[in-house]
Protein backbone atom coordinates (compact mmCIF):
# COMPACT_ATOMS: atom_id res chain seq x y z
CA MET A 1 119.97 -14.64 -27.77
CA LEU A 2 118.84 -12.22 -25.05
CA SER A 3 122.38 -11.89 -23.70
CA ASN A 4 123.54 -11.02 -27.24
CA LEU A 5 120.84 -8.35 -27.37
CA CYS A 6 122.02 -6.86 -24.06
CA SER A 7 125.62 -6.79 -25.26
CA LEU A 8 124.50 -5.14 -28.50
CA GLN A 9 122.66 -2.43 -26.51
CA LEU A 10 125.73 -1.77 -24.40
CA ARG A 11 127.99 -1.49 -27.41
CA CYS A 12 125.52 0.96 -28.99
CA THR A 13 125.56 3.06 -25.85
CA ASP A 14 129.33 3.04 -25.49
CA GLN A 15 130.48 3.31 -29.09
CA ALA A 16 127.85 5.25 -31.02
CA THR A 17 129.11 8.75 -31.57
CA SER A 18 126.64 10.04 -34.16
CA ALA A 19 122.92 9.99 -34.82
CA VAL A 20 123.52 7.77 -37.86
CA GLU A 21 125.38 5.19 -35.76
CA ARG A 22 122.71 5.26 -33.09
CA ASP A 23 119.97 4.74 -35.69
CA GLY A 24 121.94 1.75 -37.07
CA CYS A 25 122.18 0.29 -33.55
CA ARG A 26 118.46 0.67 -33.03
CA ARG A 27 117.76 -1.19 -36.30
CA ASN A 28 120.06 -3.98 -35.24
CA ILE A 29 118.23 -4.26 -31.88
CA ILE A 30 114.85 -4.37 -33.61
CA GLU A 31 116.03 -7.03 -36.07
CA THR A 32 117.41 -9.11 -33.15
CA LEU A 33 114.11 -8.81 -31.32
CA CYS A 34 112.24 -10.01 -34.39
CA VAL A 35 114.59 -13.04 -34.55
CA VAL A 36 113.93 -13.79 -30.87
CA PHE A 37 110.18 -13.51 -31.45
CA PHE A 38 110.09 -15.90 -34.42
CA VAL A 39 112.42 -18.41 -32.73
CA PHE A 40 110.05 -18.31 -29.71
CA LEU A 41 107.05 -18.96 -31.95
CA GLN A 42 108.67 -21.87 -33.71
CA HIS A 43 109.56 -23.59 -30.42
CA HIS A 44 106.48 -22.77 -28.35
CA GLU A 45 104.43 -25.96 -27.91
CA ASP A 46 101.06 -24.21 -27.61
CA VAL A 47 101.25 -22.22 -30.83
CA ASN A 48 100.85 -23.63 -34.36
CA THR A 49 102.81 -21.06 -36.37
CA ALA A 50 101.19 -22.18 -39.65
CA GLU A 51 97.87 -21.10 -38.12
CA LEU A 52 98.99 -17.54 -37.34
CA ILE A 53 98.41 -14.70 -39.77
CA ARG A 54 98.92 -10.95 -39.67
CA THR A 55 96.07 -8.45 -39.53
CA GLY A 56 96.51 -7.64 -43.21
CA GLU A 57 95.85 -11.25 -44.21
CA ALA A 58 92.94 -11.38 -41.78
CA ALA A 59 91.47 -8.25 -43.47
CA ARG A 60 91.75 -9.97 -46.89
CA LEU A 61 89.90 -13.02 -45.57
CA LEU A 62 87.16 -10.93 -44.02
CA GLY A 63 86.84 -8.61 -47.04
CA CYS A 64 87.39 -5.52 -44.87
CA SER A 65 90.03 -2.95 -44.04
CA ARG A 66 93.08 -3.70 -41.81
CA GLN A 67 91.83 -0.99 -39.44
CA HIS A 68 88.62 -2.89 -38.95
CA VAL A 69 90.64 -6.01 -37.97
CA VAL A 70 92.65 -3.88 -35.51
CA ASP A 71 89.32 -2.60 -34.05
CA LEU A 72 88.08 -6.21 -33.63
CA CYS A 73 91.27 -7.05 -31.77
CA ASP A 74 90.97 -3.97 -29.55
CA GLU A 75 87.31 -4.78 -28.79
CA GLY A 76 88.21 -8.38 -27.87
CA LYS A 77 86.15 -9.83 -30.76
CA LEU A 78 89.25 -11.26 -32.39
CA PRO A 79 91.90 -12.61 -29.95
CA VAL A 80 95.48 -11.54 -30.50
CA VAL A 81 97.73 -14.61 -30.09
CA ARG A 82 101.13 -12.87 -30.26
CA GLU A 83 102.48 -9.43 -30.91
CA GLY A 84 105.85 -8.97 -32.61
CA GLY A 85 107.15 -5.45 -33.08
CA SER A 86 104.38 -3.48 -34.82
CA HIS A 87 102.67 -6.68 -36.07
CA ARG A 88 99.73 -8.50 -34.42
CA TYR A 89 99.16 -12.17 -35.08
CA VAL A 90 95.74 -13.87 -34.93
CA ARG A 91 94.65 -17.40 -35.61
CA ARG A 92 93.31 -18.13 -39.06
CA SER A 93 90.59 -20.33 -37.54
CA ASP A 94 89.35 -17.37 -35.37
CA VAL A 95 89.18 -15.18 -38.47
CA LEU A 96 87.31 -17.78 -40.47
CA ALA A 97 84.91 -18.21 -37.58
CA LEU A 98 83.97 -14.56 -37.92
CA THR A 99 83.15 -14.98 -41.62
CA ASN A 100 80.69 -17.74 -40.69
CA ARG A 101 79.13 -15.95 -37.72
CA PRO A 102 75.46 -15.14 -38.38
CA LEU A 103 74.22 -11.59 -38.06
CA THR A 104 72.65 -10.62 -34.71
CA ARG A 105 69.02 -9.63 -34.59
CA ASP A 106 69.86 -5.91 -34.61
CA GLN A 107 72.31 -6.37 -37.49
CA GLU A 108 69.81 -8.35 -39.58
CA GLN A 109 67.09 -5.79 -38.90
CA SER A 110 69.47 -3.05 -40.12
CA HIS A 111 70.22 -5.22 -43.11
CA TRP A 112 66.56 -5.39 -44.04
CA LEU A 113 66.10 -1.67 -43.67
CA HIS A 114 69.11 -0.93 -45.83
CA ARG A 115 67.93 -3.32 -48.52
CA ALA A 116 64.84 -1.14 -48.68
CA VAL A 117 67.06 1.93 -48.91
CA VAL A 118 68.69 0.37 -51.98
CA GLY A 119 65.41 0.67 -53.84
CA HIS A 120 65.43 4.43 -53.37
CA LEU A 121 69.14 4.72 -54.09
CA VAL A 122 68.94 3.10 -57.51
CA THR A 123 65.97 5.24 -58.58
CA GLU A 124 67.07 8.56 -57.09
CA PRO A 125 70.89 8.24 -56.51
CA ASP A 126 71.67 11.94 -56.47
CA LEU A 127 68.93 12.80 -53.96
CA VAL A 128 69.66 9.89 -51.66
CA LEU A 129 73.45 10.35 -51.65
CA THR A 130 73.09 14.10 -51.01
CA ARG A 131 70.88 13.41 -48.01
CA ALA A 132 73.37 10.77 -46.78
CA ARG A 133 76.23 13.24 -47.01
CA GLU A 134 74.24 15.90 -45.12
CA ASN A 135 73.49 13.37 -42.37
CA LEU A 136 77.13 12.33 -42.30
CA GLU A 137 78.33 15.82 -41.68
CA ARG A 138 75.74 16.36 -38.97
CA PHE A 139 76.61 13.07 -37.26
CA SER A 140 80.33 13.82 -37.48
CA ARG A 141 79.85 17.03 -35.52
CA ILE A 142 77.76 15.28 -32.93
CA HIS A 143 80.02 12.24 -32.47
CA GLN A 144 83.38 13.95 -32.73
CA GLY A 145 85.95 12.15 -30.57
CA THR A 146 83.83 9.02 -30.06
CA MET A 147 84.10 5.51 -31.47
CA ALA A 148 81.36 6.34 -33.93
CA GLU A 149 83.67 8.84 -35.58
CA HIS A 150 85.79 6.03 -36.99
CA TRP A 151 82.76 4.45 -38.71
CA LEU A 152 81.55 7.80 -40.00
CA ASP A 153 84.99 8.38 -41.53
CA LEU A 154 84.71 4.96 -43.27
CA TRP A 155 81.28 5.98 -44.61
CA ARG A 156 82.83 9.14 -46.01
CA LEU A 157 85.39 7.02 -47.86
CA THR A 158 82.63 4.66 -48.98
CA LEU A 159 80.45 7.50 -50.36
CA ASP A 160 83.51 8.97 -52.17
CA SER A 161 84.18 5.58 -53.77
CA GLY A 162 81.00 5.70 -55.87
CA LEU A 163 77.55 4.24 -56.12
CA ASP A 164 78.63 0.64 -56.74
CA ARG A 165 80.66 0.54 -53.54
CA VAL A 166 77.79 2.11 -51.55
CA LEU A 167 75.35 -0.52 -52.90
CA THR A 168 77.72 -3.30 -51.92
CA VAL A 169 78.04 -2.05 -48.32
CA LEU A 170 74.27 -1.71 -47.98
CA VAL A 171 73.61 -5.36 -48.85
CA SER A 172 76.82 -7.22 -47.88
CA GLU A 173 76.91 -9.58 -44.89
CA ASP A 174 80.66 -9.13 -44.18
CA PRO A 175 81.56 -7.98 -40.66
CA GLN A 176 82.68 -4.50 -41.67
CA ALA A 177 79.54 -3.84 -43.69
CA ALA A 178 77.38 -4.96 -40.75
CA GLU A 179 79.23 -2.52 -38.45
CA LEU A 180 78.92 0.29 -40.97
CA ARG A 181 75.17 -0.19 -41.22
CA GLN A 182 74.93 0.16 -37.44
CA ASN A 183 76.35 3.66 -37.87
CA SER A 184 74.53 4.54 -41.04
CA PRO A 185 74.09 8.03 -42.59
CA PHE A 186 70.98 6.82 -44.50
CA THR A 187 68.68 7.77 -41.63
CA GLY A 188 65.41 9.31 -42.82
CA ILE A 189 65.67 7.96 -46.39
CA LEU A 190 62.71 5.61 -45.96
CA PRO A 191 59.25 7.25 -45.47
CA ASP A 192 57.75 6.43 -42.08
CA GLU A 193 55.02 4.16 -43.57
CA GLU A 194 57.50 2.18 -45.64
CA ARG A 195 59.85 1.82 -42.67
CA LYS A 196 57.03 0.43 -40.48
CA LYS A 197 56.14 -2.11 -43.16
CA VAL A 198 59.76 -3.26 -43.46
CA LEU A 199 60.06 -3.62 -39.70
CA ALA A 200 56.79 -5.57 -39.45
CA SER A 201 57.93 -7.89 -42.23
CA PHE A 202 61.27 -8.38 -40.54
CA ARG A 203 59.65 -9.23 -37.17
CA GLU A 204 57.57 -11.88 -38.86
CA HIS A 205 60.62 -13.22 -40.69
CA TRP A 206 62.64 -13.36 -37.43
CA ARG A 207 59.78 -15.08 -35.55
CA THR A 208 59.31 -17.78 -38.15
CA GLU A 209 62.86 -18.43 -39.32
CA HIS A 210 64.95 -17.66 -36.22
CA ALA A 211 62.77 -19.01 -33.47
CA VAL A 212 64.69 -21.19 -31.02
C-alpha cells in the first residue's frame, strides 16, 4: 500500500501539468492515506476499532461542544488513541469515564455558588445578565490571548443563547459546564454576606459528605 502511495506521488509530480490535475492528485493521496490508516486499525492487535469514536461523537456523549473535546485532548485529560487525517479518535470507555467523574472540590464549590446565583437570575434576569455581560467584556480585555479567552468566548455564546441555556450551564454537572463556571462572568452577583453563608454551608457539606 505504501509503495503504491509513493508511485502515485511520483506520477503526480511527473504528469500533473495544471493546478486542477495537481489538486486531483492530492485528493488521491489523501484518500490512499485514509485507506492505509483504517487498514492499520483493523489489523492492529492492541486497538479495538469498535471502541474508537471521533471527537464529534465524544462531544455528543459528554453533552458539550466538539471544541471542548479537542481541548480535553490537548490538555491530556482525554487520551487520543489514533489520529487519521484531520480526525482524532478516542476510546468510548475513556469518554464515558469522564461523564462519571465526580466534581473536584473547587468545581463543586463553584457549583454551589452558581446555584445561589440562579436565585438572583430568575428574579432579576435583566440586571444579572447585564452585569454578567459587563464582566465578560472586562475579563476579555484582561485575558486576551490566554486560555481563559476560549472559555469567555463560550460564555458569550451562552449568554446570546438565552436565559434557559444560561440556567442550564449554571446548574449542570457536565464537564464543559464545570469548566465554564471556573471562568464565570457572574462575579459580584452575590452580596458578600450571602456569599459567605453559601461558602460556610458548602464547607460543612464537604466535611460531612466527602470526608475520606
